[in-house]
Amino acid sequence: MSEPSKVDRDTLHLLAKHSKWEATSIRKVLLNTGLRPGISEWMFFIDYLLLSLGAIFLVCGLFFFFAYNWNSMSKFLKLGFAQFPIVGLGIYLFFKKTNSLIGKIVLTALSCLIGLAFAVYGQIYQTGATAFDFLSAWALLSLVWVLISDFPPLWFLYLILLNLTVLFRIEQFHRMMDYRDVSVIFTLLNFVALLGFETLNHYRKPMTIHRWFPQVVGAFILWILFFNLAGYILNDFPDSQYRVTGPLILWLAFLLIPMGFVWFYHVKKEIIMTGLIPFSGICLIALLIGKMIEGNELMMFLIIGIFVVVSCGFLISFLTRFKKKISALNNVLLLTAQENES
C-alpha cells in the first residue's frame, strides 16, 4: 500500500475557502506540515547550507590548489596536502556520529578527496594506470562510506562514478562493442541502483524528502530506452558483428517502461515520471508515423501535428485528473488533522 502524499498549499487553500476553518488553525497546520517554515527551520536551512557550501569549496579548492601549484611543490608536499584532509576528516568521523547531517556531508567530502589522493599519487609516480583503473580504485575505496552514509546525494555521486567507471572500461577494452549492448549494461546498472533504493525505502522509514533520487535515475533509464527505441524505429543502427545481446534492449524497454509507469503512477503517485513516460511514448509514436509516411512531407507534418496536439491534450487532461486525485488524498489527511486538533 502506498504512503499518503504530503499536504500541499492548493489543498489548504481549497479547505480554507470552502470551510469555516479559522486563520489561526490554518497557520498552525502550515507550520506543523512544514509548508510555512518557522525561524528554527530557516536557521537550520541556513546553517547546513553554509556547511554544504563550505565542504564543496574545500574540495574544489584542493583540486585547484594542486592544479595551480603543481610544478612548485615537492613530491612529499603534494602527498601531504592530498592525505592530510582525509586523515583530518577521518579523525573527525571517528569521534562524531555519522548519522547526523554534518557527518553525512563529511563522508561525501571524504569520498571526493579519496579520488584526489589517487590522482595525485598516480601523477607523481607515473604508475601508468588507466582512467578505468583510477575510477575503479576510487569506487572500491569509497564503497564503505557510501554503505554507512544513508545519504542520497552521496549515493547519486557514487552512481555517477560507477557509470563513468563502466564507460571508461568499455572505451578502453571493448571499443568495438555495439551501442545496444552498451545500453543494456547501463540500463541494468542503473535499474539495480533504482531497485536497491526503492527496496531500502520500503523496508525502512520512507525517505519522502529524497524522492528526487529515483526520479532522476528513472529519467536516465527512460532516456536510454527511448534512444534505442527511436533508433530501431528510424533504422539508425547498422548491423554489427560484435553485438552479443541480440534484441535484449527491446525486451528491457517493453518490460521496464510499463513497470516504471505502474510504479510511479499507481504506487508512488509521482507526477513527474507519470508524465515523462507517456510523453516519451507520444514522441516514439510520432517518429513511427513519420517513418511510415516519410515520402510525403506535407502529409507527414499534418498527421504528426494533429497527433501530437491531440495526444498532448489527453496527457494534460490525464495529469490534471491525477493531480486532483493526489489532492483528494491530501484532503483526507487535512480533515483528519483538523479533527484531531478540535
C-alpha atoms as a PDB file:
ATOM      1  CA  MET A   1       0.000   0.000   0.000  1.00  0.00           C
ATOM      2  CA  SER A   2       1.396   3.410  -0.916  1.00  0.00           C
ATOM      3  CA  GLU A   3       2.052   6.081   1.670  1.00  0.00           C
ATOM      4  CA  PRO A   4      -0.294   9.097   1.647  1.00  0.00           C
ATOM      5  CA  SER A   5       1.071  12.172  -0.039  1.00  0.00           C
ATOM      6  CA  LYS A   6       2.162  15.226   1.851  1.00  0.00           C
ATOM      7  CA  VAL A   7      -0.167  18.163   2.282  1.00  0.00           C
ATOM      8  CA  ASP A   8       0.252  20.892  -0.340  1.00  0.00           C
ATOM      9  CA  ARG A   9      -0.734  24.565  -0.447  1.00  0.00           C
ATOM     10  CA  ASP A  10      -3.513  24.041  -3.003  1.00  0.00           C
ATOM     11  CA  THR A  11      -5.314  21.705  -0.638  1.00  0.00           C
ATOM     12  CA  LEU A  12      -5.034  24.167   2.206  1.00  0.00           C
ATOM     13  CA  HIS A  13      -6.381  26.985   0.051  1.00  0.00           C
ATOM     14  CA  LEU A  14      -9.296  24.773  -1.029  1.00  0.00           C
ATOM     15  CA  LEU A  15     -10.243  23.892   2.553  1.00  0.00           C
ATOM     16  CA  ALA A  16      -9.831  27.450   3.769  1.00  0.00           C
ATOM     17  CA  LYS A  17     -12.145  28.706   1.016  1.00  0.00           C
ATOM     18  CA  HIS A  18     -14.929  26.141   1.488  1.00  0.00           C
ATOM     19  CA  SER A  19     -14.900  25.684   5.263  1.00  0.00           C
ATOM     20  CA  LYS A  20     -15.125  27.705   8.451  1.00  0.00           C
ATOM     21  CA  TRP A  21     -11.561  26.937   9.400  1.00  0.00           C
ATOM     22  CA  GLU A  22     -10.088  29.765  11.470  1.00  0.00           C
ATOM     23  CA  ALA A  23      -6.955  31.567  10.322  1.00  0.00           C
ATOM     24  CA  THR A  24      -5.058  30.644  13.480  1.00  0.00           C
ATOM     25  CA  SER A  25      -5.712  26.954  12.875  1.00  0.00           C
ATOM     26  CA  ILE A  26      -4.538  27.273   9.276  1.00  0.00           C
ATOM     27  CA  ARG A  27      -1.303  28.909  10.439  1.00  0.00           C
ATOM     28  CA  LYS A  28      -0.719  26.048  12.864  1.00  0.00           C
ATOM     29  CA  VAL A  29      -1.222  23.470  10.123  1.00  0.00           C
ATOM     30  CA  LEU A  30       1.127  25.372   7.815  1.00  0.00           C
ATOM     31  CA  LEU A  31       3.824  25.359  10.472  1.00  0.00           C
ATOM     32  CA  ASN A  32       3.231  21.749  11.536  1.00  0.00           C
ATOM     33  CA  THR A  33       3.324  20.418   7.977  1.00  0.00           C
ATOM     34  CA  GLY A  34       6.409  22.464   7.069  1.00  0.00           C
ATOM     35  CA  LEU A  35       4.669  24.409   4.291  1.00  0.00           C
ATOM     36  CA  ARG A  36       5.479  27.627   6.131  1.00  0.00           C
ATOM     37  CA  PRO A  37       8.892  27.309   7.759  1.00  0.00           C
ATOM     38  CA  GLY A  38       9.431  28.956  11.093  1.00  0.00           C
ATOM     39  CA  ILE A  39      12.525  30.689  12.441  1.00  0.00           C
ATOM     40  CA  SER A  40      14.092  27.436  13.610  1.00  0.00           C
ATOM     41  CA  GLU A  41      13.606  25.815  10.183  1.00  0.00           C
ATOM     42  CA  TRP A  42      15.185  28.811   8.438  1.00  0.00           C
ATOM     43  CA  MET A  43      18.150  28.766  10.833  1.00  0.00           C
ATOM     44  CA  PHE A  44      18.549  25.026  10.264  1.00  0.00           C
ATOM     45  CA  PHE A  45      18.472  25.546   6.484  1.00  0.00           C
ATOM     46  CA  ILE A  46      20.996  28.406   6.539  1.00  0.00           C
ATOM     47  CA  ASP A  47      23.280  26.528   8.918  1.00  0.00           C
ATOM     48  CA  TYR A  48      23.541  23.413   6.786  1.00  0.00           C
ATOM     49  CA  LEU A  49      23.521  25.332   3.514  1.00  0.00           C
ATOM     50  CA  LEU A  50      26.666  27.168   4.614  1.00  0.00           C
ATOM     51  CA  LEU A  51      28.151  23.884   5.831  1.00  0.00           C
ATOM     52  CA  SER A  52      27.466  22.196   2.484  1.00  0.00           C
ATOM     53  CA  LEU A  53      28.907  25.145   0.556  1.00  0.00           C
ATOM     54  CA  GLY A  54      31.984  25.062   2.785  1.00  0.00           C
ATOM     55  CA  ALA A  55      32.524  21.357   2.063  1.00  0.00           C
ATOM     56  CA  ILE A  56      32.097  21.934  -1.690  1.00  0.00           C
ATOM     57  CA  PHE A  57      34.510  24.876  -1.707  1.00  0.00           C
ATOM     58  CA  LEU A  58      37.024  22.881   0.363  1.00  0.00           C
ATOM     59  CA  VAL A  59      37.090  20.010  -2.118  1.00  0.00           C
ATOM     60  CA  CYS A  60      37.151  22.320  -5.165  1.00  0.00           C
ATOM     61  CA  GLY A  61      39.838  24.470  -3.549  1.00  0.00           C
ATOM     62  CA  LEU A  62      42.105  21.472  -3.022  1.00  0.00           C
ATOM     63  CA  PHE A  63      41.697  20.403  -6.641  1.00  0.00           C
ATOM     64  CA  PHE A  64      42.512  23.878  -7.973  1.00  0.00           C
ATOM     65  CA  PHE A  65      45.351  24.285  -5.471  1.00  0.00           C
ATOM     66  CA  PHE A  66      47.103  21.231  -6.864  1.00  0.00           C
ATOM     67  CA  ALA A  67      46.443  22.261 -10.442  1.00  0.00           C
ATOM     68  CA  TYR A  68      47.884  25.763  -9.954  1.00  0.00           C
ATOM     69  CA  ASN A  69      50.898  24.951  -7.737  1.00  0.00           C
ATOM     70  CA  TRP A  70      51.829  21.539  -9.101  1.00  0.00           C
ATOM     71  CA  ASN A  71      55.213  22.471 -10.561  1.00  0.00           C
ATOM     72  CA  SER A  72      56.341  24.437  -7.495  1.00  0.00           C
ATOM     73  CA  MET A  73      55.560  21.723  -4.935  1.00  0.00           C
ATOM     74  CA  SER A  74      57.795  18.876  -3.864  1.00  0.00           C
ATOM     75  CA  LYS A  75      56.692  15.264  -4.032  1.00  0.00           C
ATOM     76  CA  PHE A  76      56.229  14.894  -0.274  1.00  0.00           C
ATOM     77  CA  LEU A  77      54.362  18.183  -0.015  1.00  0.00           C
ATOM     78  CA  LYS A  78      51.939  17.036  -2.694  1.00  0.00           C
ATOM     79  CA  LEU A  79      51.294  13.754  -0.904  1.00  0.00           C
ATOM     80  CA  GLY A  80      50.903  15.557   2.411  1.00  0.00           C
ATOM     81  CA  PHE A  81      48.352  18.020   1.102  1.00  0.00           C
ATOM     82  CA  ALA A  82      46.422  15.164  -0.538  1.00  0.00           C
ATOM     83  CA  GLN A  83      46.352  12.943   2.561  1.00  0.00           C
ATOM     84  CA  PHE A  84      46.077  15.478   5.393  1.00  0.00           C
ATOM     85  CA  PRO A  85      42.384  16.379   4.717  1.00  0.00           C
ATOM     86  CA  ILE A  86      41.497  12.678   4.537  1.00  0.00           C
ATOM     87  CA  VAL A  87      43.183  11.969   7.874  1.00  0.00           C
ATOM     88  CA  GLY A  88      41.596  15.040   9.461  1.00  0.00           C
ATOM     89  CA  LEU A  89      38.093  14.184   8.289  1.00  0.00           C
ATOM     90  CA  GLY A  90      38.621  10.550   9.289  1.00  0.00           C
ATOM     91  CA  ILE A  91      39.563  11.593  12.843  1.00  0.00           C
ATOM     92  CA  TYR A  92      36.509  13.836  12.994  1.00  0.00           C
ATOM     93  CA  LEU A  93      34.233  10.969  11.941  1.00  0.00           C
ATOM     94  CA  PHE A  94      35.857   8.662  14.486  1.00  0.00           C
ATOM     95  CA  PHE A  95      34.691  10.865  17.356  1.00  0.00           C
ATOM     96  CA  LYS A  96      31.393  12.069  15.843  1.00  0.00           C
ATOM     97  CA  LYS A  97      28.213  10.324  14.732  1.00  0.00           C
ATOM     98  CA  THR A  98      27.990   9.609  11.023  1.00  0.00           C
ATOM     99  CA  ASN A  99      24.169   9.512  11.032  1.00  0.00           C
ATOM    100  CA  SER A 100      23.925  13.277  11.525  1.00  0.00           C
ATOM    101  CA  LEU A 101      23.690  15.605   8.541  1.00  0.00           C
ATOM    102  CA  ILE A 102      27.136  17.023   9.316  1.00  0.00           C
ATOM    103  CA  GLY A 103      28.601  13.526   9.389  1.00  0.00           C
ATOM    104  CA  LYS A 104      26.975  12.678   6.040  1.00  0.00           C
ATOM    105  CA  ILE A 105      28.367  15.821   4.427  1.00  0.00           C
ATOM    106  CA  VAL A 106      31.811  14.987   5.809  1.00  0.00           C
ATOM    107  CA  LEU A 107      31.510  11.456   4.369  1.00  0.00           C
ATOM    108  CA  THR A 108      30.677  12.933   0.973  1.00  0.00           C
ATOM    109  CA  ALA A 109      33.705  15.244   1.099  1.00  0.00           C
ATOM    110  CA  LEU A 110      35.878  12.330   2.220  1.00  0.00           C
ATOM    111  CA  SER A 111      34.751  10.206  -0.724  1.00  0.00           C
ATOM    112  CA  CYS A 112      35.673  13.006  -3.146  1.00  0.00           C
ATOM    113  CA  LEU A 113      39.082  13.512  -1.520  1.00  0.00           C
ATOM    114  CA  ILE A 114      39.912   9.827  -1.965  1.00  0.00           C
ATOM    115  CA  GLY A 115      39.769  10.393  -5.712  1.00  0.00           C
ATOM    116  CA  LEU A 116      42.036  13.422  -5.357  1.00  0.00           C
ATOM    117  CA  ALA A 117      44.594  11.356  -3.429  1.00  0.00           C
ATOM    118  CA  PHE A 118      44.598   8.652  -6.104  1.00  0.00           C
ATOM    119  CA  ALA A 119      45.060  11.249  -8.847  1.00  0.00           C
ATOM    120  CA  VAL A 120      47.988  12.887  -7.039  1.00  0.00           C
ATOM    121  CA  TYR A 121      49.677   9.553  -6.326  1.00  0.00           C
ATOM    122  CA  GLY A 122      49.307   8.368  -9.914  1.00  0.00           C
ATOM    123  CA  GLN A 123      50.647  11.653 -11.317  1.00  0.00           C
ATOM    124  CA  ILE A 124      53.675  11.713  -9.029  1.00  0.00           C
ATOM    125  CA  TYR A 125      54.834   8.144  -9.535  1.00  0.00           C
ATOM    126  CA  GLN A 126      53.534   7.790 -13.119  1.00  0.00           C
ATOM    127  CA  THR A 127      52.027   4.399 -12.346  1.00  0.00           C
ATOM    128  CA  GLY A 128      50.644   4.007 -15.844  1.00  0.00           C
ATOM    129  CA  ALA A 129      47.153   3.408 -14.519  1.00  0.00           C
ATOM    130  CA  THR A 130      44.349   3.974 -16.972  1.00  0.00           C
ATOM    131  CA  ALA A 131      41.234   6.014 -16.312  1.00  0.00           C
ATOM    132  CA  PHE A 132      39.394   2.775 -15.605  1.00  0.00           C
ATOM    133  CA  ASP A 133      41.999   1.736 -13.006  1.00  0.00           C
ATOM    134  CA  PHE A 134      41.748   5.129 -11.325  1.00  0.00           C
ATOM    135  CA  LEU A 135      37.946   5.220 -11.234  1.00  0.00           C
ATOM    136  CA  SER A 136      37.547   1.581 -10.176  1.00  0.00           C
ATOM    137  CA  ALA A 137      40.004   2.024  -7.268  1.00  0.00           C
ATOM    138  CA  TRP A 138      38.189   5.220  -6.269  1.00  0.00           C
ATOM    139  CA  ALA A 139      34.827   3.435  -6.378  1.00  0.00           C
ATOM    140  CA  LEU A 140      36.134   0.457  -4.403  1.00  0.00           C
ATOM    141  CA  LEU A 141      37.613   2.503  -1.553  1.00  0.00           C
ATOM    142  CA  SER A 142      34.605   4.834  -1.415  1.00  0.00           C
ATOM    143  CA  LEU A 143      32.140   1.956  -1.155  1.00  0.00           C
ATOM    144  CA  VAL A 144      32.372   1.711   2.630  1.00  0.00           C
ATOM    145  CA  TRP A 145      31.469   5.397   3.053  1.00  0.00           C
ATOM    146  CA  VAL A 146      28.518   5.005   0.699  1.00  0.00           C
ATOM    147  CA  LEU A 147      27.178   1.999   2.607  1.00  0.00           C
ATOM    148  CA  ILE A 148      27.275   3.686   6.018  1.00  0.00           C
ATOM    149  CA  SER A 149      26.217   7.161   4.906  1.00  0.00           C
ATOM    150  CA  ASP A 150      22.443   6.733   4.343  1.00  0.00           C
ATOM    151  CA  PHE A 151      22.765   9.919   2.266  1.00  0.00           C
ATOM    152  CA  PRO A 152      21.120  10.032  -1.211  1.00  0.00           C
ATOM    153  CA  PRO A 153      23.390  12.848  -2.569  1.00  0.00           C
ATOM    154  CA  LEU A 154      26.417  10.624  -1.889  1.00  0.00           C
ATOM    155  CA  TRP A 155      24.624   7.661  -3.448  1.00  0.00           C
ATOM    156  CA  PHE A 156      23.916   9.744  -6.528  1.00  0.00           C
ATOM    157  CA  LEU A 157      27.558  10.839  -6.854  1.00  0.00           C
ATOM    158  CA  TYR A 158      28.656   7.235  -6.383  1.00  0.00           C
ATOM    159  CA  LEU A 159      26.249   6.083  -9.087  1.00  0.00           C
ATOM    160  CA  ILE A 160      27.760   8.663 -11.456  1.00  0.00           C
ATOM    161  CA  LEU A 161      31.199   7.287 -10.546  1.00  0.00           C
ATOM    162  CA  LEU A 162      30.076   3.726 -11.321  1.00  0.00           C
ATOM    163  CA  ASN A 163      28.652   4.789 -14.683  1.00  0.00           C
ATOM    164  CA  LEU A 164      31.903   6.567 -15.568  1.00  0.00           C
ATOM    165  CA  THR A 165      33.896   3.507 -14.496  1.00  0.00           C
ATOM    166  CA  VAL A 166      31.878   1.251 -16.770  1.00  0.00           C
ATOM    167  CA  LEU A 167      32.073   3.798 -19.595  1.00  0.00           C
ATOM    168  CA  PHE A 168      35.878   4.002 -19.474  1.00  0.00           C
ATOM    169  CA  ARG A 169      36.108   0.213 -19.203  1.00  0.00           C
ATOM    170  CA  ILE A 170      34.159  -0.111 -22.437  1.00  0.00           C
ATOM    171  CA  GLU A 171      36.081   2.726 -24.075  1.00  0.00           C
ATOM    172  CA  GLN A 172      39.493   1.246 -23.280  1.00  0.00           C
ATOM    173  CA  PHE A 173      38.953  -2.514 -23.602  1.00  0.00           C
ATOM    174  CA  HIS A 174      35.756  -3.025 -25.609  1.00  0.00           C
ATOM    175  CA  ARG A 175      35.788  -0.167 -28.057  1.00  0.00           C
ATOM    176  CA  MET A 176      34.071  -2.186 -30.782  1.00  0.00           C
ATOM    177  CA  MET A 177      31.098  -3.106 -28.584  1.00  0.00           C
ATOM    178  CA  ASP A 178      27.744  -2.420 -30.191  1.00  0.00           C
ATOM    179  CA  TYR A 179      25.835   0.556 -28.778  1.00  0.00           C
ATOM    180  CA  ARG A 180      22.812  -1.611 -27.969  1.00  0.00           C
ATOM    181  CA  ASP A 181      24.994  -3.853 -25.804  1.00  0.00           C
ATOM    182  CA  VAL A 182      26.334  -0.754 -24.029  1.00  0.00           C
ATOM    183  CA  SER A 183      22.764   0.408 -23.474  1.00  0.00           C
ATOM    184  CA  VAL A 184      21.876  -2.949 -21.893  1.00  0.00           C
ATOM    185  CA  ILE A 185      24.770  -2.622 -19.450  1.00  0.00           C
ATOM    186  CA  PHE A 186      23.896   0.927 -18.379  1.00  0.00           C
ATOM    187  CA  THR A 187      20.185   0.113 -18.167  1.00  0.00           C
ATOM    188  CA  LEU A 188      20.777  -2.857 -15.872  1.00  0.00           C
ATOM    189  CA  LEU A 189      23.321  -0.979 -13.742  1.00  0.00           C
ATOM    190  CA  ASN A 190      21.023   1.961 -13.068  1.00  0.00           C
ATOM    191  CA  PHE A 191      17.949  -0.255 -12.690  1.00  0.00           C
ATOM    192  CA  VAL A 192      19.714  -2.244  -9.957  1.00  0.00           C
ATOM    193  CA  ALA A 193      20.577   1.040  -8.207  1.00  0.00           C
ATOM    194  CA  LEU A 194      16.972   2.235  -8.500  1.00  0.00           C
ATOM    195  CA  LEU A 195      15.626  -1.099  -7.276  1.00  0.00           C
ATOM    196  CA  GLY A 196      18.010  -1.038  -4.313  1.00  0.00           C
ATOM    197  CA  PHE A 197      16.905   2.469  -3.326  1.00  0.00           C
ATOM    198  CA  GLU A 198      13.204   1.628  -3.546  1.00  0.00           C
ATOM    199  CA  THR A 199      13.717  -1.601  -1.583  1.00  0.00           C
ATOM    200  CA  LEU A 200      15.588   0.280   1.122  1.00  0.00           C
ATOM    201  CA  ASN A 201      12.914   2.967   1.134  1.00  0.00           C
ATOM    202  CA  HIS A 202      10.196   0.317   1.529  1.00  0.00           C
ATOM    203  CA  TYR A 203      11.673  -1.649   4.416  1.00  0.00           C
ATOM    204  CA  ARG A 204      12.948   1.352   6.336  1.00  0.00           C
ATOM    205  CA  LYS A 205      11.368   4.671   7.203  1.00  0.00           C
ATOM    206  CA  PRO A 206      10.114   6.315   3.986  1.00  0.00           C
ATOM    207  CA  MET A 207      12.580   8.910   2.673  1.00  0.00           C
ATOM    208  CA  THR A 208       9.935  11.100   1.061  1.00  0.00           C
ATOM    209  CA  ILE A 209      12.200  14.152   1.015  1.00  0.00           C
ATOM    210  CA  HIS A 210      14.683  12.249  -1.131  1.00  0.00           C
ATOM    211  CA  ARG A 211      12.293  11.200  -3.900  1.00  0.00           C
ATOM    212  CA  TRP A 212      14.385  13.196  -6.381  1.00  0.00           C
ATOM    213  CA  PHE A 213      16.909  10.328  -6.493  1.00  0.00           C
ATOM    214  CA  PRO A 214      14.644   7.645  -8.033  1.00  0.00           C
ATOM    215  CA  GLN A 215      13.091  10.184 -10.382  1.00  0.00           C
ATOM    216  CA  VAL A 216      16.475  11.291 -11.756  1.00  0.00           C
ATOM    217  CA  VAL A 217      17.709   7.704 -12.121  1.00  0.00           C
ATOM    218  CA  GLY A 218      14.382   6.641 -13.631  1.00  0.00           C
ATOM    219  CA  ALA A 219      14.527   9.507 -16.125  1.00  0.00           C
ATOM    220  CA  PHE A 220      18.054   8.449 -17.137  1.00  0.00           C
ATOM    221  CA  ILE A 221      16.922   4.854 -17.717  1.00  0.00           C
ATOM    222  CA  LEU A 222      13.936   6.138 -19.712  1.00  0.00           C
ATOM    223  CA  TRP A 223      16.283   8.269 -21.842  1.00  0.00           C
ATOM    224  CA  ILE A 224      18.452   5.224 -22.675  1.00  0.00           C
ATOM    225  CA  LEU A 225      15.457   3.105 -23.612  1.00  0.00           C
ATOM    226  CA  PHE A 226      13.845   5.930 -25.585  1.00  0.00           C
ATOM    227  CA  PHE A 227      17.022   6.489 -27.612  1.00  0.00           C
ATOM    228  CA  ASN A 228      17.242   2.794 -28.503  1.00  0.00           C
ATOM    229  CA  LEU A 229      13.584   2.512 -29.436  1.00  0.00           C
ATOM    230  CA  ALA A 230      13.897   5.619 -31.594  1.00  0.00           C
ATOM    231  CA  GLY A 231      16.940   4.093 -33.272  1.00  0.00           C
ATOM    232  CA  TYR A 232      15.016   0.935 -34.101  1.00  0.00           C
ATOM    233  CA  ILE A 233      12.088   2.942 -35.493  1.00  0.00           C
ATOM    234  CA  LEU A 234      14.365   5.060 -37.687  1.00  0.00           C
ATOM    235  CA  ASN A 235      16.538   2.033 -38.553  1.00  0.00           C
ATOM    236  CA  ASP A 236      19.520   4.050 -37.406  1.00  0.00           C
ATOM    237  CA  PHE A 237      21.553   1.117 -36.048  1.00  0.00           C
ATOM    238  CA  PRO A 238      23.933  -0.539 -38.541  1.00  0.00           C
ATOM    239  CA  ASP A 239      24.449  -4.291 -38.315  1.00  0.00           C
ATOM    240  CA  SER A 240      27.421  -5.153 -36.132  1.00  0.00           C
ATOM    241  CA  GLN A 241      29.270  -8.452 -35.868  1.00  0.00           C
ATOM    242  CA  TYR A 242      30.263  -7.548 -32.308  1.00  0.00           C
ATOM    243  CA  ARG A 243      26.702  -7.471 -30.993  1.00  0.00           C
ATOM    244  CA  VAL A 244      26.123 -10.176 -28.359  1.00  0.00           C
ATOM    245  CA  THR A 245      22.862  -9.333 -26.539  1.00  0.00           C
ATOM    246  CA  GLY A 246      20.549  -9.507 -29.531  1.00  0.00           C
ATOM    247  CA  PRO A 247      17.169  -7.782 -29.039  1.00  0.00           C
ATOM    248  CA  LEU A 248      17.591  -7.714 -25.251  1.00  0.00           C
ATOM    249  CA  ILE A 249      17.372  -3.909 -25.124  1.00  0.00           C
ATOM    250  CA  LEU A 250      13.941  -4.129 -26.774  1.00  0.00           C
ATOM    251  CA  TRP A 251      12.730  -6.657 -24.209  1.00  0.00           C
ATOM    252  CA  LEU A 252      14.071  -4.451 -21.424  1.00  0.00           C
ATOM    253  CA  ALA A 253      12.234  -1.455 -22.869  1.00  0.00           C
ATOM    254  CA  PHE A 254       8.925  -3.332 -23.183  1.00  0.00           C
ATOM    255  CA  LEU A 255       9.336  -4.660 -19.633  1.00  0.00           C
ATOM    256  CA  LEU A 256      10.760  -1.715 -17.687  1.00  0.00           C
ATOM    257  CA  ILE A 257       8.729   1.144 -19.176  1.00  0.00           C
ATOM    258  CA  PRO A 258       5.304  -0.309 -18.202  1.00  0.00           C
ATOM    259  CA  MET A 259       6.722  -1.368 -14.829  1.00  0.00           C
ATOM    260  CA  GLY A 260       8.026   2.146 -14.259  1.00  0.00           C
ATOM    261  CA  PHE A 261       4.701   3.713 -15.160  1.00  0.00           C
ATOM    262  CA  VAL A 262       2.789   1.432 -12.780  1.00  0.00           C
ATOM    263  CA  TRP A 263       5.304   2.098 -10.017  1.00  0.00           C
ATOM    264  CA  PHE A 264       5.405   5.880 -10.274  1.00  0.00           C
ATOM    265  CA  TYR A 265       1.696   6.296 -11.083  1.00  0.00           C
ATOM    266  CA  HIS A 266      -0.088   3.688  -9.007  1.00  0.00           C
ATOM    267  CA  VAL A 267       2.330   3.031  -6.136  1.00  0.00           C
ATOM    268  CA  LYS A 268       4.296   6.238  -5.531  1.00  0.00           C
ATOM    269  CA  LYS A 269       1.904   8.706  -7.197  1.00  0.00           C
ATOM    270  CA  GLU A 270       4.647  10.990  -8.531  1.00  0.00           C
ATOM    271  CA  ILE A 271       3.573  13.284 -11.319  1.00  0.00           C
ATOM    272  CA  ILE A 272       6.976  13.921 -12.964  1.00  0.00           C
ATOM    273  CA  MET A 273       7.716  10.370 -14.094  1.00  0.00           C
ATOM    274  CA  THR A 274       3.996   9.738 -14.597  1.00  0.00           C
ATOM    275  CA  GLY A 275       4.086  12.477 -17.227  1.00  0.00           C
ATOM    276  CA  LEU A 276       7.505  11.702 -18.735  1.00  0.00           C
ATOM    277  CA  ILE A 277       6.750   8.085 -19.590  1.00  0.00           C
ATOM    278  CA  PRO A 278       3.580   8.767 -21.649  1.00  0.00           C
ATOM    279  CA  PHE A 279       5.248  11.787 -23.272  1.00  0.00           C
ATOM    280  CA  SER A 280       8.130   9.585 -24.427  1.00  0.00           C
ATOM    281  CA  GLY A 281       5.531   7.206 -25.875  1.00  0.00           C
ATOM    282  CA  ILE A 282       3.935  10.087 -27.789  1.00  0.00           C
ATOM    283  CA  CYS A 283       7.338  11.021 -29.243  1.00  0.00           C
ATOM    284  CA  LEU A 284       8.004   7.424 -30.318  1.00  0.00           C
ATOM    285  CA  ILE A 285       4.611   7.093 -31.997  1.00  0.00           C
ATOM    286  CA  ALA A 286       5.217  10.400 -33.801  1.00  0.00           C
ATOM    287  CA  LEU A 287       8.538   9.037 -35.053  1.00  0.00           C
ATOM    288  CA  LEU A 288       6.821   5.869 -36.217  1.00  0.00           C
ATOM    289  CA  ILE A 289       4.179   7.852 -38.103  1.00  0.00           C
ATOM    290  CA  GLY A 290       6.877   9.958 -39.728  1.00  0.00           C
ATOM    291  CA  LYS A 291       8.784   6.825 -40.743  1.00  0.00           C
ATOM    292  CA  MET A 292       5.709   5.251 -42.300  1.00  0.00           C
ATOM    293  CA  ILE A 293       4.817   8.266 -44.483  1.00  0.00           C
ATOM    294  CA  GLU A 294       8.229   9.882 -44.942  1.00  0.00           C
ATOM    295  CA  GLY A 295       7.739  10.203 -48.697  1.00  0.00           C
ATOM    296  CA  ASN A 296       5.034  12.879 -48.349  1.00  0.00           C
ATOM    297  CA  GLU A 297       6.394  15.645 -46.167  1.00  0.00           C
ATOM    298  CA  LEU A 298       3.237  17.771 -46.131  1.00  0.00           C
ATOM    299  CA  MET A 299       1.028  14.859 -45.109  1.00  0.00           C
ATOM    300  CA  MET A 300       3.628  13.731 -42.580  1.00  0.00           C
ATOM    301  CA  PHE A 301       3.777  17.098 -40.801  1.00  0.00           C
ATOM    302  CA  LEU A 302      -0.028  17.412 -40.879  1.00  0.00           C
ATOM    303  CA  ILE A 303      -0.703  13.978 -39.369  1.00  0.00           C
ATOM    304  CA  ILE A 304       2.101  14.246 -36.834  1.00  0.00           C
ATOM    305  CA  GLY A 305       0.960  17.723 -35.824  1.00  0.00           C
ATOM    306  CA  ILE A 306      -2.631  16.603 -35.289  1.00  0.00           C
ATOM    307  CA  PHE A 307      -1.489  13.514 -33.391  1.00  0.00           C
ATOM    308  CA  VAL A 308       0.855  15.465 -31.102  1.00  0.00           C
ATOM    309  CA  VAL A 309      -1.729  18.160 -30.326  1.00  0.00           C
ATOM    310  CA  VAL A 310      -4.496  15.654 -29.560  1.00  0.00           C
ATOM    311  CA  SER A 311      -2.319  13.228 -27.580  1.00  0.00           C
ATOM    312  CA  CYS A 312      -0.691  16.012 -25.551  1.00  0.00           C
ATOM    313  CA  GLY A 313      -4.156  17.351 -24.779  1.00  0.00           C
ATOM    314  CA  PHE A 314      -5.217  13.950 -23.474  1.00  0.00           C
ATOM    315  CA  LEU A 315      -1.973  13.726 -21.474  1.00  0.00           C
ATOM    316  CA  ILE A 316      -2.527  17.134 -19.875  1.00  0.00           C
ATOM    317  CA  SER A 317      -6.089  16.148 -19.007  1.00  0.00           C
ATOM    318  CA  PHE A 318      -4.842  12.886 -17.502  1.00  0.00           C
ATOM    319  CA  LEU A 319      -2.178  14.633 -15.414  1.00  0.00           C
ATOM    320  CA  THR A 320      -4.738  17.196 -14.222  1.00  0.00           C
ATOM    321  CA  ARG A 321      -7.049  14.435 -13.011  1.00  0.00           C
ATOM    322  CA  PHE A 322      -4.085  12.679 -11.460  1.00  0.00           C
ATOM    323  CA  LYS A 323      -3.138  15.817  -9.549  1.00  0.00           C
ATOM    324  CA  LYS A 324      -6.710  16.164  -8.294  1.00  0.00           C
ATOM    325  CA  LYS A 325      -6.606  12.548  -7.160  1.00  0.00           C
ATOM    326  CA  ILE A 326      -3.487  13.262  -5.122  1.00  0.00           C
ATOM    327  CA  SER A 327      -5.147  16.378  -3.701  1.00  0.00           C
ATOM    328  CA  ALA A 328      -8.129  14.275  -2.635  1.00  0.00           C
ATOM    329  CA  LEU A 329      -5.795  12.103  -0.568  1.00  0.00           C
ATOM    330  CA  ASN A 330      -4.328  15.236   0.946  1.00  0.00           C
ATOM    331  CA  ASN A 331      -7.832  16.408   1.856  1.00  0.00           C
ATOM    332  CA  VAL A 332      -8.319  13.287   3.930  1.00  0.00           C
ATOM    333  CA  LEU A 333      -5.073  13.990   5.751  1.00  0.00           C
ATOM    334  CA  LEU A 334      -6.052  17.565   6.464  1.00  0.00           C
ATOM    335  CA  LEU A 335      -9.518  16.680   7.671  1.00  0.00           C
ATOM    336  CA  THR A 336      -8.017  14.091   9.980  1.00  0.00           C
ATOM    337  CA  ALA A 337      -5.555  16.666  11.305  1.00  0.00           C
ATOM    338  CA  GLN A 338      -8.394  19.151  11.823  1.00  0.00           C
ATOM    339  CA  GLU A 339     -10.468  16.594  13.731  1.00  0.00           C
ATOM    340  CA  ASN A 340      -7.536  15.707  15.954  1.00  0.00           C
ATOM    341  CA  GLU A 341      -6.920  19.378  16.632  1.00  0.00           C
ATOM    342  CA  SER A 342     -10.522  20.046  17.608  1.00  0.00           C
END
